[in-house]
Amino acid sequence: MEEVEDCVFVLASHQIQIHFTKRSDFYLRVRSRPIIEDSDGERFTNYCLKYEGIEEDLVVAVLDEEIGNWANVDDFKWLKVVQNPNWSILPKEERVGDVDFVNSNSSTS
């Protein structure tokens, strides 16, 4: 993903690479650690998409196990031990809650 600003993404993938992105929120289920580069203001949290049959779809995609990698972001431009200023965990009170794809309703959980 490249060159986006002020967006919200709900993604399930084996790998996520984010470049030249600003002030966006990512709701992720990812097998490997997300990678950011040349990005600023990114916020991450766990996957929130719901629909009938999602569990089976995640099994087929080998994404059924939630391993928490959404919180283990690597920034190739930040190699220091201290907290990276380019990304953070999205605070619970600012999350959209579960997104029901079939009904297009959003509710807090």
PDB file of N, CA and C in Angstrom:
ATOM      1  N   MET A   1       0.847  -1.152   0.000  1.00  0.00           N
ATOM      2  CA  MET A   1       0.000   0.000   0.000  1.00  0.00           C
ATOM      3  C   MET A   1       0.906   1.232   0.000  1.00  0.00           C
ATOM      4  N   GLU A   2       0.560   2.201  -0.834  1.00  0.00           N
ATOM      5  CA  GLU A   2       1.391   3.403  -0.926  1.00  0.00           C
ATOM      6  C   GLU A   2       0.549   4.666  -1.059  1.00  0.00           C
ATOM      7  N   GLU A   3       1.086   5.727  -0.489  1.00  0.00           N
ATOM      8  CA  GLU A   3       0.600   7.090  -0.683  1.00  0.00           C
ATOM      9  C   GLU A   3      -0.891   7.256  -0.391  1.00  0.00           C
ATOM     10  N   VAL A   4      -1.277   6.961   0.840  1.00  0.00           N
ATOM     11  CA  VAL A   4      -2.646   7.242   1.275  1.00  0.00           C
ATOM     12  C   VAL A   4      -2.593   8.127   2.516  1.00  0.00           C
ATOM     13  N   GLU A   5      -3.637   8.912   2.709  1.00  0.00           N
ATOM     14  CA  GLU A   5      -3.726   9.790   3.878  1.00  0.00           C
ATOM     15  C   GLU A   5      -5.132   9.754   4.448  1.00  0.00           C
ATOM     16  N   ASP A   6      -5.211   9.793   5.775  1.00  0.00           N
ATOM     17  CA  ASP A   6      -6.483   9.925   6.481  1.00  0.00           C
ATOM     18  C   ASP A   6      -7.504   8.864   6.068  1.00  0.00           C
ATOM     19  N   CYS A   7      -7.081   7.603   6.030  1.00  0.00           N
ATOM     20  CA  CYS A   7      -7.952   6.498   5.628  1.00  0.00           C
ATOM     21  C   CYS A   7      -8.104   5.485   6.759  1.00  0.00           C
ATOM     22  N   VAL A   8      -9.114   4.631   6.621  1.00  0.00           N
ATOM     23  CA  VAL A   8      -9.324   3.518   7.537  1.00  0.00           C
ATOM     24  C   VAL A   8      -9.334   2.245   6.701  1.00  0.00           C
ATOM     25  N   PHE A   9      -8.520   1.257   7.105  1.00  0.00           N
ATOM     26  CA  PHE A   9      -8.419  -0.009   6.389  1.00  0.00           C
ATOM     27  C   PHE A   9      -8.750  -1.165   7.321  1.00  0.00           C
ATOM     28  N   VAL A  10      -9.501  -2.131   6.817  1.00  0.00           N
ATOM     29  CA  VAL A  10      -9.779  -3.378   7.524  1.00  0.00           C
ATOM     30  C   VAL A  10      -9.244  -4.480   6.616  1.00  0.00           C
ATOM     31  N   LEU A  11      -8.118  -5.097   7.024  1.00  0.00           N
ATOM     32  CA  LEU A  11      -7.410  -6.023   6.141  1.00  0.00           C
ATOM     33  C   LEU A  11      -7.031  -7.312   6.853  1.00  0.00           C
ATOM     34  N   ALA A  12      -7.184  -8.426   6.135  1.00  0.00           N
ATOM     35  CA  ALA A  12      -6.657  -9.713   6.577  1.00  0.00           C
ATOM     36  C   ALA A  12      -5.714 -10.182   5.479  1.00  0.00           C
ATOM     37  N   SER A  13      -4.466 -10.449   5.844  1.00  0.00           N
ATOM     38  CA  SER A  13      -3.461 -10.788   4.843  1.00  0.00           C
ATOM     39  C   SER A  13      -2.296 -11.512   5.500  1.00  0.00           C
ATOM     40  N   HIS A  14      -1.515 -12.169   4.679  1.00  0.00           N
ATOM     41  CA  HIS A  14      -0.307 -12.803   5.203  1.00  0.00           C
ATOM     42  C   HIS A  14       0.776 -11.769   5.458  1.00  0.00           C
ATOM     43  N   GLN A  15       0.789 -10.706   4.653  1.00  0.00           N
ATOM     44  CA  GLN A  15       1.817  -9.677   4.801  1.00  0.00           C
ATOM     45  C   GLN A  15       1.229  -8.316   4.432  1.00  0.00           C
ATOM     46  N   ILE A  16       1.586  -7.296   5.190  1.00  0.00           N
ATOM     47  CA  ILE A  16       1.141  -5.924   4.920  1.00  0.00           C
ATOM     48  C   ILE A  16       2.381  -5.033   4.879  1.00  0.00           C
ATOM     49  N   GLN A  17       2.559  -4.310   3.775  1.00  0.00           N
ATOM     50  CA  GLN A  17       3.634  -3.327   3.668  1.00  0.00           C
ATOM     51  C   GLN A  17       3.005  -1.973   3.355  1.00  0.00           C
ATOM     52  N   ILE A  18       3.373  -0.977   4.134  1.00  0.00           N
ATOM     53  CA  ILE A  18       2.760   0.347   4.053  1.00  0.00           C
ATOM     54  C   ILE A  18       3.866   1.372   3.819  1.00  0.00           C
ATOM     55  N   HIS A  19       3.754   2.133   2.723  1.00  0.00           N
ATOM     56  CA  HIS A  19       4.787   3.109   2.361  1.00  0.00           C
ATOM     57  C   HIS A  19       4.160   4.477   2.094  1.00  0.00           C
ATOM     58  N   PHE A  20       4.832   5.535   2.538  1.00  0.00           N
ATOM     59  CA  PHE A  20       4.426   6.920   2.248  1.00  0.00           C
ATOM     60  C   PHE A  20       2.960   7.164   2.625  1.00  0.00           C
ATOM     61  N   THR A  21       2.594   6.761   3.812  1.00  0.00           N
ATOM     62  CA  THR A  21       1.217   6.856   4.284  1.00  0.00           C
ATOM     63  C   THR A  21       1.161   7.758   5.508  1.00  0.00           C
ATOM     64  N   LYS A  22       0.071   8.494   5.660  1.00  0.00           N
ATOM     65  CA  LYS A  22      -0.056   9.427   6.787  1.00  0.00           C
ATOM     66  C   LYS A  22      -1.427   9.309   7.450  1.00  0.00           C
ATOM     67  N   ARG A  23      -1.415   9.356   8.781  1.00  0.00           N
ATOM     68  CA  ARG A  23      -2.628   9.465   9.602  1.00  0.00           C
ATOM     69  C   ARG A  23      -3.731   8.494   9.205  1.00  0.00           C
ATOM     70  N   SER A  24      -3.408   7.228   9.108  1.00  0.00           N
ATOM     71  CA  SER A  24      -4.413   6.227   8.750  1.00  0.00           C
ATOM     72  C   SER A  24      -4.523   5.169   9.838  1.00  0.00           C
ATOM     73  N   ASP A  25      -5.715   4.579   9.941  1.00  0.00           N
ATOM     74  CA  ASP A  25      -5.972   3.529  10.923  1.00  0.00           C
ATOM     75  C   ASP A  25      -6.060   2.181  10.216  1.00  0.00           C
ATOM     76  N   PHE A  26      -5.434   1.169  10.821  1.00  0.00           N
ATOM     77  CA  PHE A  26      -5.391  -0.172  10.243  1.00  0.00           C
ATOM     78  C   PHE A  26      -5.946  -1.184  11.237  1.00  0.00           C
ATOM     79  N   TYR A  27      -7.017  -1.870  10.838  1.00  0.00           N
ATOM     80  CA  TYR A  27      -7.611  -2.967  11.607  1.00  0.00           C
ATOM     81  C   TYR A  27      -7.134  -4.243  10.926  1.00  0.00           C
ATOM     82  N   LEU A  28      -6.186  -4.949  11.562  1.00  0.00           N
ATOM     83  CA  LEU A  28      -5.469  -6.017  10.863  1.00  0.00           C
ATOM     84  C   LEU A  28      -5.591  -7.389  11.506  1.00  0.00           C
ATOM     85  N   ARG A  29      -5.596  -8.390  10.641  1.00  0.00           N
ATOM     86  CA  ARG A  29      -5.265  -9.764  11.006  1.00  0.00           C
ATOM     87  C   ARG A  29      -4.177 -10.131  10.003  1.00  0.00           C
ATOM     88  N   VAL A  30      -2.977 -10.345  10.503  1.00  0.00           N
ATOM     89  CA  VAL A  30      -1.832 -10.533   9.615  1.00  0.00           C
ATOM     90  C   VAL A  30      -0.910 -11.604  10.187  1.00  0.00           C
ATOM     91  N   ARG A  31      -0.389 -12.459   9.313  1.00  0.00           N
ATOM     92  CA  ARG A  31       0.472 -13.566   9.738  1.00  0.00           C
ATOM     93  C   ARG A  31       1.885 -13.096  10.083  1.00  0.00           C
ATOM     94  N   SER A  32       2.389 -12.109   9.351  1.00  0.00           N
ATOM     95  CA  SER A  32       3.728 -11.585   9.635  1.00  0.00           C
ATOM     96  C   SER A  32       3.592 -10.186  10.229  1.00  0.00           C
ATOM     97  N   ARG A  33       4.694  -9.660  10.691  1.00  0.00           N
ATOM     98  CA  ARG A  33       4.667  -8.323  11.291  1.00  0.00           C
ATOM     99  C   ARG A  33       4.415  -7.279  10.202  1.00  0.00           C
ATOM    100  N   PRO A  34       3.484  -6.345  10.423  1.00  0.00           N
ATOM    101  CA  PRO A  34       3.270  -5.276   9.443  1.00  0.00           C
ATOM    102  C   PRO A  34       4.540  -4.435   9.301  1.00  0.00           C
ATOM    103  N   ILE A  35       4.771  -3.953   8.101  1.00  0.00           N
ATOM    104  CA  ILE A  35       5.952  -3.138   7.814  1.00  0.00           C
ATOM    105  C   ILE A  35       5.493  -1.754   7.371  1.00  0.00           C
ATOM    106  N   ILE A  36       6.062  -0.714   7.993  1.00  0.00           N
ATOM    107  CA  ILE A  36       5.834   0.647   7.516  1.00  0.00           C
ATOM    108  C   ILE A  36       7.180   1.253   7.133  1.00  0.00           C
ATOM    109  N   GLU A  37       7.127   2.184   6.203  1.00  0.00           N
ATOM    110  CA  GLU A  37       8.334   2.887   5.781  1.00  0.00           C
ATOM    111  C   GLU A  37       7.918   4.249   5.225  1.00  0.00           C
ATOM    112  N   ASP A  38       8.604   5.286   5.652  1.00  0.00           N
ATOM    113  CA  ASP A  38       8.290   6.656   5.221  1.00  0.00           C
ATOM    114  C   ASP A  38       6.830   6.992   5.513  1.00  0.00           C
ATOM    115  N   SER A  39       6.365   6.599   6.684  1.00  0.00           N
ATOM    116  CA  SER A  39       4.975   6.825   7.086  1.00  0.00           C
ATOM    117  C   SER A  39       4.936   7.547   8.423  1.00  0.00           C
ATOM    118  N   ASP A  40       3.797   8.195   8.706  1.00  0.00           N
ATOM    119  CA  ASP A  40       3.679   8.987   9.928  1.00  0.00           C
ATOM    120  C   ASP A  40       2.228   8.995  10.407  1.00  0.00           C
ATOM    121  N   GLY A  41       2.039   8.829  11.704  1.00  0.00           N
ATOM    122  CA  GLY A  41       0.709   8.916  12.286  1.00  0.00           C
ATOM    123  C   GLY A  41      -0.156   7.696  12.083  1.00  0.00           C
ATOM    124  N   GLU A  42       0.451   6.554  11.807  1.00  0.00           N
ATOM    125  CA  GLU A  42      -0.319   5.324  11.592  1.00  0.00           C
ATOM    126  C   GLU A  42      -0.761   4.753  12.930  1.00  0.00           C
ATOM    127  N   ARG A  43      -1.994   4.200  12.964  1.00  0.00           N
ATOM    128  CA  ARG A  43      -2.502   3.577  14.181  1.00  0.00           C
ATOM    129  C   ARG A  43      -3.017   2.182  13.826  1.00  0.00           C
ATOM    130  N   PHE A  44      -2.747   1.231  14.723  1.00  0.00           N
ATOM    131  CA  PHE A  44      -3.056  -0.171  14.449  1.00  0.00           C
ATOM    132  C   PHE A  44      -3.900  -0.782  15.557  1.00  0.00           C
ATOM    133  N   THR A  45      -4.773  -1.707  15.158  1.00  0.00           N
ATOM    134  CA  THR A  45      -5.567  -2.479  16.106  1.00  0.00           C
ATOM    135  C   THR A  45      -5.966  -3.803  15.455  1.00  0.00           C
ATOM    136  N   ASN A  46      -6.705  -4.607  16.208  1.00  0.00           N
ATOM    137  CA  ASN A  46      -7.086  -5.924  15.707  1.00  0.00           C
ATOM    138  C   ASN A  46      -8.226  -5.834  14.686  1.00  0.00           C
ATOM    139  N   TYR A  47      -8.297  -6.857  13.871  1.00  0.00           N
ATOM    140  CA  TYR A  47      -9.280  -7.020  12.796  1.00  0.00           C
ATOM    141  C   TYR A  47     -10.694  -6.968  13.344  1.00  0.00           C
ATOM    142  N   CYS A  48     -11.611  -6.330  12.627  1.00  0.00           N
ATOM    143  CA  CYS A  48     -12.969  -6.145  13.156  1.00  0.00           C
ATOM    144  C   CYS A  48     -14.079  -6.522  12.181  1.00  0.00           C
ATOM    145  N   LEU A  49     -13.748  -7.078  11.028  1.00  0.00           N
ATOM    146  CA  LEU A  49     -14.776  -7.415  10.042  1.00  0.00           C
ATOM    147  C   LEU A  49     -15.515  -8.684  10.450  1.00  0.00           C
ATOM    148  N   LYS A  50     -16.831  -8.652  10.338  1.00  0.00           N
ATOM    149  CA  LYS A  50     -17.678  -9.805  10.653  1.00  0.00           C
ATOM    150  C   LYS A  50     -18.672 -10.023   9.518  1.00  0.00           C
ATOM    151  N   TYR A  51     -18.901 -11.279   9.177  1.00  0.00           N
ATOM    152  CA  TYR A  51     -19.974 -11.657   8.255  1.00  0.00           C
ATOM    153  C   TYR A  51     -20.178 -13.158   8.380  1.00  0.00           C
ATOM    154  N   GLU A  52     -21.321 -13.626   7.929  1.00  0.00           N
ATOM    155  CA  GLU A  52     -21.609 -15.050   8.007  1.00  0.00           C
ATOM    156  C   GLU A  52     -20.615 -15.823   7.141  1.00  0.00           C
ATOM    157  N   GLY A  53     -19.906 -16.771   7.744  1.00  0.00           N
ATOM    158  CA  GLY A  53     -18.930 -17.575   7.020  1.00  0.00           C
ATOM    159  C   GLY A  53     -17.501 -17.068   7.109  1.00  0.00           C
ATOM    160  N   ILE A  54     -17.269 -15.991   7.838  1.00  0.00           N
ATOM    161  CA  ILE A  54     -15.909 -15.440   7.897  1.00  0.00           C
ATOM    162  C   ILE A  54     -14.917 -16.430   8.502  1.00  0.00           C
ATOM    163  N   GLU A  55     -15.354 -17.190   9.493  1.00  0.00           N
ATOM    164  CA  GLU A  55     -14.439 -18.141  10.128  1.00  0.00           C
ATOM    165  C   GLU A  55     -13.918 -19.156   9.111  1.00  0.00           C
ATOM    166  N   GLU A  56     -14.819 -19.671   8.260  1.00  0.00           N
ATOM    167  CA  GLU A  56     -14.410 -20.630   7.232  1.00  0.00           C
ATOM    168  C   GLU A  56     -13.483 -19.977   6.206  1.00  0.00           C
ATOM    169  N   ASP A  57     -13.786 -18.747   5.819  1.00  0.00           N
ATOM    170  CA  ASP A  57     -12.935 -18.036   4.860  1.00  0.00           C
ATOM    171  C   ASP A  57     -11.535 -17.811   5.424  1.00  0.00           C
ATOM    172  N   LEU A  58     -11.449 -17.486   6.700  1.00  0.00           N
ATOM    173  CA  LEU A  58     -10.139 -17.281   7.324  1.00  0.00           C
ATOM    174  C   LEU A  58      -9.358 -18.587   7.408  1.00  0.00           C
ATOM    175  N   VAL A  59     -10.039 -19.712   7.633  1.00  0.00           N
ATOM    176  CA  VAL A  59      -9.368 -21.022   7.644  1.00  0.00           C
ATOM    177  C   VAL A  59      -8.785 -21.315   6.265  1.00  0.00           C
ATOM    178  N   VAL A  60      -9.576 -21.131   5.218  1.00  0.00           N
ATOM    179  CA  VAL A  60      -9.118 -21.387   3.849  1.00  0.00           C
ATOM    180  C   VAL A  60      -7.912 -20.512   3.510  1.00  0.00           C
ATOM    181  N   ALA A  61      -7.910 -19.281   3.984  1.00  0.00           N
ATOM    182  CA  ALA A  61      -6.814 -18.341   3.707  1.00  0.00           C
ATOM    183  C   ALA A  61      -5.632 -18.525   4.658  1.00  0.00           C
ATOM    184  N   VAL A  62      -5.724 -19.492   5.563  1.00  0.00           N
ATOM    185  CA  VAL A  62      -4.719 -19.742   6.600  1.00  0.00           C
ATOM    186  C   VAL A  62      -4.496 -18.472   7.439  1.00  0.00           C
ATOM    187  N   LEU A  63      -5.597 -17.835   7.788  1.00  0.00           N
ATOM    188  CA  LEU A  63      -5.570 -16.638   8.630  1.00  0.00           C
ATOM    189  C   LEU A  63      -6.488 -16.793   9.836  1.00  0.00           C
ATOM    190  N   ASP A  64      -6.833 -18.041  10.153  1.00  0.00           N
ATOM    191  CA  ASP A  64      -7.809 -18.288  11.214  1.00  0.00           C
ATOM    192  C   ASP A  64      -7.260 -18.043  12.610  1.00  0.00           C
ATOM    193  N   GLU A  65      -5.973 -18.166  12.804  1.00  0.00           N
ATOM    194  CA  GLU A  65      -5.391 -17.966  14.133  1.00  0.00           C
ATOM    195  C   GLU A  65      -4.982 -16.505  14.317  1.00  0.00           C
ATOM    196  N   GLU A  66      -5.569 -15.857  15.313  1.00  0.00           N
ATOM    197  CA  GLU A  66      -5.199 -14.470  15.645  1.00  0.00           C
ATOM    198  C   GLU A  66      -3.961 -14.515  16.528  1.00  0.00           C
ATOM    199  N   ILE A  67      -2.831 -14.050  16.000  1.00  0.00           N
ATOM    200  CA  ILE A  67      -1.573 -14.132  16.748  1.00  0.00           C
ATOM    201  C   ILE A  67      -1.086 -12.765  17.235  1.00  0.00           C
ATOM    202  N   GLY A  68      -1.864 -11.730  16.996  1.00  0.00           N
ATOM    203  CA  GLY A  68      -1.537 -10.418  17.545  1.00  0.00           C
ATOM    204  C   GLY A  68      -0.445  -9.652  16.833  1.00  0.00           C
ATOM    205  N   ASN A  69      -0.082 -10.058  15.622  1.00  0.00           N
ATOM    206  CA  ASN A  69       0.976  -9.335  14.916  1.00  0.00           C
ATOM    207  C   ASN A  69       0.582  -7.916  14.521  1.00  0.00           C
ATOM    208  N   TRP A  70      -0.700  -7.591  14.564  1.00  0.00           N
ATOM    209  CA  TRP A  70      -1.115  -6.223  14.247  1.00  0.00           C
ATOM    210  C   TRP A  70      -0.423  -5.213  15.162  1.00  0.00           C
ATOM    211  N   ALA A  71       0.007  -5.658  16.339  1.00  0.00           N
ATOM    212  CA  ALA A  71       0.651  -4.769  17.316  1.00  0.00           C
ATOM    213  C   ALA A  71       2.174  -4.828  17.259  1.00  0.00           C
ATOM    214  N   ASN A  72       2.727  -5.596  16.332  1.00  0.00           N
ATOM    215  CA  ASN A  72       4.184  -5.778  16.223  1.00  0.00           C
ATOM    216  C   ASN A  72       4.700  -5.156  14.932  1.00  0.00           C
ATOM    217  N   VAL A  73       4.553  -3.868  14.813  1.00  0.00           N
ATOM    218  CA  VAL A  73       4.876  -3.147  13.580  1.00  0.00           C
ATOM    219  C   VAL A  73       6.378  -2.906  13.476  1.00  0.00           C
ATOM    220  N   ASP A  74       6.920  -3.166  12.297  1.00  0.00           N
ATOM    221  CA  ASP A  74       8.323  -2.868  12.001  1.00  0.00           C
ATOM    222  C   ASP A  74       8.391  -1.648  11.087  1.00  0.00           C
ATOM    223  N   ASP A  75       9.253  -0.707  11.433  1.00  0.00           N
ATOM    224  CA  ASP A  75       9.479   0.487  10.623  1.00  0.00           C
ATOM    225  C   ASP A  75      10.927   0.442  10.163  1.00  0.00           C
ATOM    226  N   PHE A  76      11.140   0.263   8.870  1.00  0.00           N
ATOM    227  CA  PHE A  76      12.499   0.130   8.352  1.00  0.00           C
ATOM    228  C   PHE A  76      13.306   1.415   8.464  1.00  0.00           C
ATOM    229  N   LYS A  77      12.656   2.537   8.758  1.00  0.00           N
ATOM    230  CA  LYS A  77      13.373   3.804   8.933  1.00  0.00           C
ATOM    231  C   LYS A  77      13.556   4.153  10.407  1.00  0.00           C
ATOM    232  N   TRP A  78      13.126   3.275  11.313  1.00  0.00           N
ATOM    233  CA  TRP A  78      13.247   3.527  12.754  1.00  0.00           C
ATOM    234  C   TRP A  78      13.858   2.291  13.386  1.00  0.00           C
ATOM    235  N   LEU A  79      15.155   2.325  13.609  1.00  0.00           N
ATOM    236  CA  LEU A  79      15.864   1.160  14.125  1.00  0.00           C
ATOM    237  C   LEU A  79      16.290   1.334  15.574  1.00  0.00           C
ATOM    238  N   LYS A  80      15.683   2.265  16.285  1.00  0.00           N
ATOM    239  CA  LYS A  80      16.034   2.534  17.680  1.00  0.00           C
ATOM    240  C   LYS A  80      15.193   1.676  18.616  1.00  0.00           C
ATOM    241  N   VAL A  81      15.658   1.526  19.838  1.00  0.00           N
ATOM    242  CA  VAL A  81      14.959   0.723  20.836  1.00  0.00           C
ATOM    243  C   VAL A  81      13.753   1.466  21.412  1.00  0.00           C
ATOM    244  N   VAL A  82      13.795   2.787  21.461  1.00  0.00           N
ATOM    245  CA  VAL A  82      12.695   3.567  22.036  1.00  0.00           C
ATOM    246  C   VAL A  82      11.461   3.528  21.126  1.00  0.00           C
ATOM    247  N   GLN A  83      10.292   3.851  21.713  1.00  0.00           N
ATOM    248  CA  GLN A  83       9.024   3.805  20.965  1.00  0.00           C
ATOM    249  C   GLN A  83       9.099   4.652  19.698  1.00  0.00           C
ATOM    250  N   ASN A  84       8.645   4.082  18.624  1.00  0.00           N
ATOM    251  CA  ASN A  84       8.616   4.728  17.323  1.00  0.00           C
ATOM    252  C   ASN A  84       7.497   5.782  17.290  1.00  0.00           C
ATOM    253  N   PRO A  85       7.804   7.019  16.908  1.00  0.00           N
ATOM    254  CA  PRO A  85       6.768   8.055  16.846  1.00  0.00           C
ATOM    255  C   PRO A  85       5.879   7.960  15.603  1.00  0.00           C
ATOM    256  N   ASN A  86       6.207   7.072  14.672  1.00  0.00           N
ATOM    257  CA  ASN A  86       5.474   6.986  13.407  1.00  0.00           C
ATOM    258  C   ASN A  86       4.224   6.115  13.468  1.00  0.00           C
ATOM    259  N   TRP A  87       4.072   5.336  14.541  1.00  0.00           N
ATOM    260  CA  TRP A  87       2.882   4.492  14.669  1.00  0.00           C
ATOM    261  C   TRP A  87       2.539   4.299  16.138  1.00  0.00           C
ATOM    262  N   SER A  88       1.291   3.918  16.383  1.00  0.00           N
ATOM    263  CA  SER A  88       0.832   3.644  17.742  1.00  0.00           C
ATOM    264  C   SER A  88      -0.337   2.661  17.690  1.00  0.00           C
ATOM    265  N   ILE A  89      -0.718   2.173  18.873  1.00  0.00           N
ATOM    266  CA  ILE A  89      -1.904   1.338  18.995  1.00  0.00           C
ATOM    267  C   ILE A  89      -3.120   2.269  19.020  1.00  0.00           C
ATOM    268  N   LEU A  90      -4.129   1.955  18.235  1.00  0.00           N
ATOM    269  CA  LEU A  90      -5.354   2.748  18.219  1.00  0.00           C
ATOM    270  C   LEU A  90      -6.079   2.576  19.554  1.00  0.00           C
ATOM    271  N   PRO A  91      -6.313   3.666  20.293  1.00  0.00           N
ATOM    272  CA  PRO A  91      -6.987   3.551  21.595  1.00  0.00           C
ATOM    273  C   PRO A  91      -8.364   2.892  21.464  1.00  0.00           C
ATOM    274  N   LYS A  92      -8.719   2.061  22.441  1.00  0.00           N
ATOM    275  CA  LYS A  92      -9.992   1.329  22.396  1.00  0.00           C
ATOM    276  C   LYS A  92     -11.191   2.248  22.219  1.00  0.00           C
ATOM    277  N   GLU A  93     -11.176   3.393  22.882  1.00  0.00           N
ATOM    278  CA  GLU A  93     -12.325   4.294  22.803  1.00  0.00           C
ATOM    279  C   GLU A  93     -12.475   4.957  21.432  1.00  0.00           C
ATOM    280  N   GLU A  94     -11.469   4.843  20.564  1.00  0.00           N
ATOM    281  CA  GLU A  94     -11.542   5.423  19.226  1.00  0.00           C
ATOM    282  C   GLU A  94     -11.770   4.383  18.136  1.00  0.00           C
ATOM    283  N   ARG A  95     -11.864   3.117  18.495  1.00  0.00           N
ATOM    284  CA  ARG A  95     -12.069   2.046  17.513  1.00  0.00           C
ATOM    285  C   ARG A  95     -13.522   2.004  17.054  1.00  0.00           C
ATOM    286  N   VAL A  96     -13.738   1.537  15.838  1.00  0.00           N
ATOM    287  CA  VAL A  96     -15.092   1.497  15.288  1.00  0.00           C
ATOM    288  C   VAL A  96     -15.929   0.346  15.833  1.00  0.00           C
ATOM    289  N   GLY A  97     -15.330  -0.620  16.490  1.00  0.00           N
ATOM    290  CA  GLY A  97     -16.066  -1.803  16.930  1.00  0.00           C
ATOM    291  C   GLY A  97     -16.165  -2.800  15.790  1.00  0.00           C
ATOM    292  N   ASP A  98     -17.039  -3.786  15.931  1.00  0.00           N
ATOM    293  CA  ASP A  98     -17.205  -4.784  14.875  1.00  0.00           C
ATOM    294  C   ASP A  98     -17.919  -4.169  13.677  1.00  0.00           C
ATOM    295  N   VAL A  99     -17.437  -4.510  12.488  1.00  0.00           N
ATOM    296  CA  VAL A  99     -18.061  -4.057  11.252  1.00  0.00           C
ATOM    297  C   VAL A  99     -18.760  -5.257  10.631  1.00  0.00           C
ATOM    298  N   ASP A 100     -20.084  -5.191  10.532  1.00  0.00           N
ATOM    299  CA  ASP A 100     -20.886  -6.260   9.943  1.00  0.00           C
ATOM    300  C   ASP A 100     -20.998  -5.982   8.449  1.00  0.00           C
ATOM    301  N   PHE A 101     -20.260  -6.730   7.650  1.00  0.00           N
ATOM    302  CA  PHE A 101     -20.182  -6.487   6.210  1.00  0.00           C
ATOM    303  C   PHE A 101     -21.524  -6.701   5.515  1.00  0.00           C
ATOM    304  N   VAL A 102     -22.263  -7.717   5.895  1.00  0.00           N
ATOM    305  CA  VAL A 102     -23.525  -8.033   5.238  1.00  0.00           C
ATOM    306  C   VAL A 102     -24.569  -6.959   5.496  1.00  0.00           C
ATOM    307  N   ASN A 103     -24.677  -6.528   6.744  1.00  0.00           N
ATOM    308  CA  ASN A 103     -25.711  -5.562   7.102  1.00  0.00           C
ATOM    309  C   ASN A 103     -25.243  -4.113   7.036  1.00  0.00           C
ATOM    310  N   SER A 104     -23.969  -3.893   6.776  1.00  0.00           N
ATOM    311  CA  SER A 104     -23.379  -2.553   6.726  1.00  0.00           C
ATOM    312  C   SER A 104     -23.629  -1.756   7.998  1.00  0.00           C
ATOM    313  N   ASN A 105     -23.729  -2.443   9.121  1.00  0.00           N
ATOM    314  CA  ASN A 105     -23.912  -1.786  10.412  1.00  0.00           C
ATOM    315  C   ASN A 105     -22.611  -1.811  11.176  1.00  0.00           C
ATOM    316  N   SER A 106     -22.389  -0.818  11.991  1.00  0.00           N
ATOM    317  CA  SER A 106     -21.218  -0.770  12.853  1.00  0.00           C
ATOM    318  C   SER A 106     -21.700  -0.652  14.284  1.00  0.00           C
ATOM    319  N   SER A 107     -21.122  -1.478  15.160  1.00  0.00           N
ATOM    320  CA  SER A 107     -21.491  -1.399  16.571  1.00  0.00           C
ATOM    321  C   SER A 107     -20.247  -1.511  17.414  1.00  0.00           C
ATOM    322  N   THR A 108     -20.257  -0.898  18.560  1.00  0.00           N
ATOM    323  CA  THR A 108     -19.112  -0.985  19.451  1.00  0.00           C
ATOM    324  C   THR A 108     -19.160  -2.291  20.199  1.00  0.00           C
ATOM    325  N   SER A 109     -17.978  -2.794  20.521  1.00  0.00           N
ATOM    326  CA  SER A 109     -17.928  -4.051  21.266  1.00  0.00           C
ATOM    327  C   SER A 109     -17.226  -3.868  22.571  1.00  0.00           C
TER     328      SER A 109
END
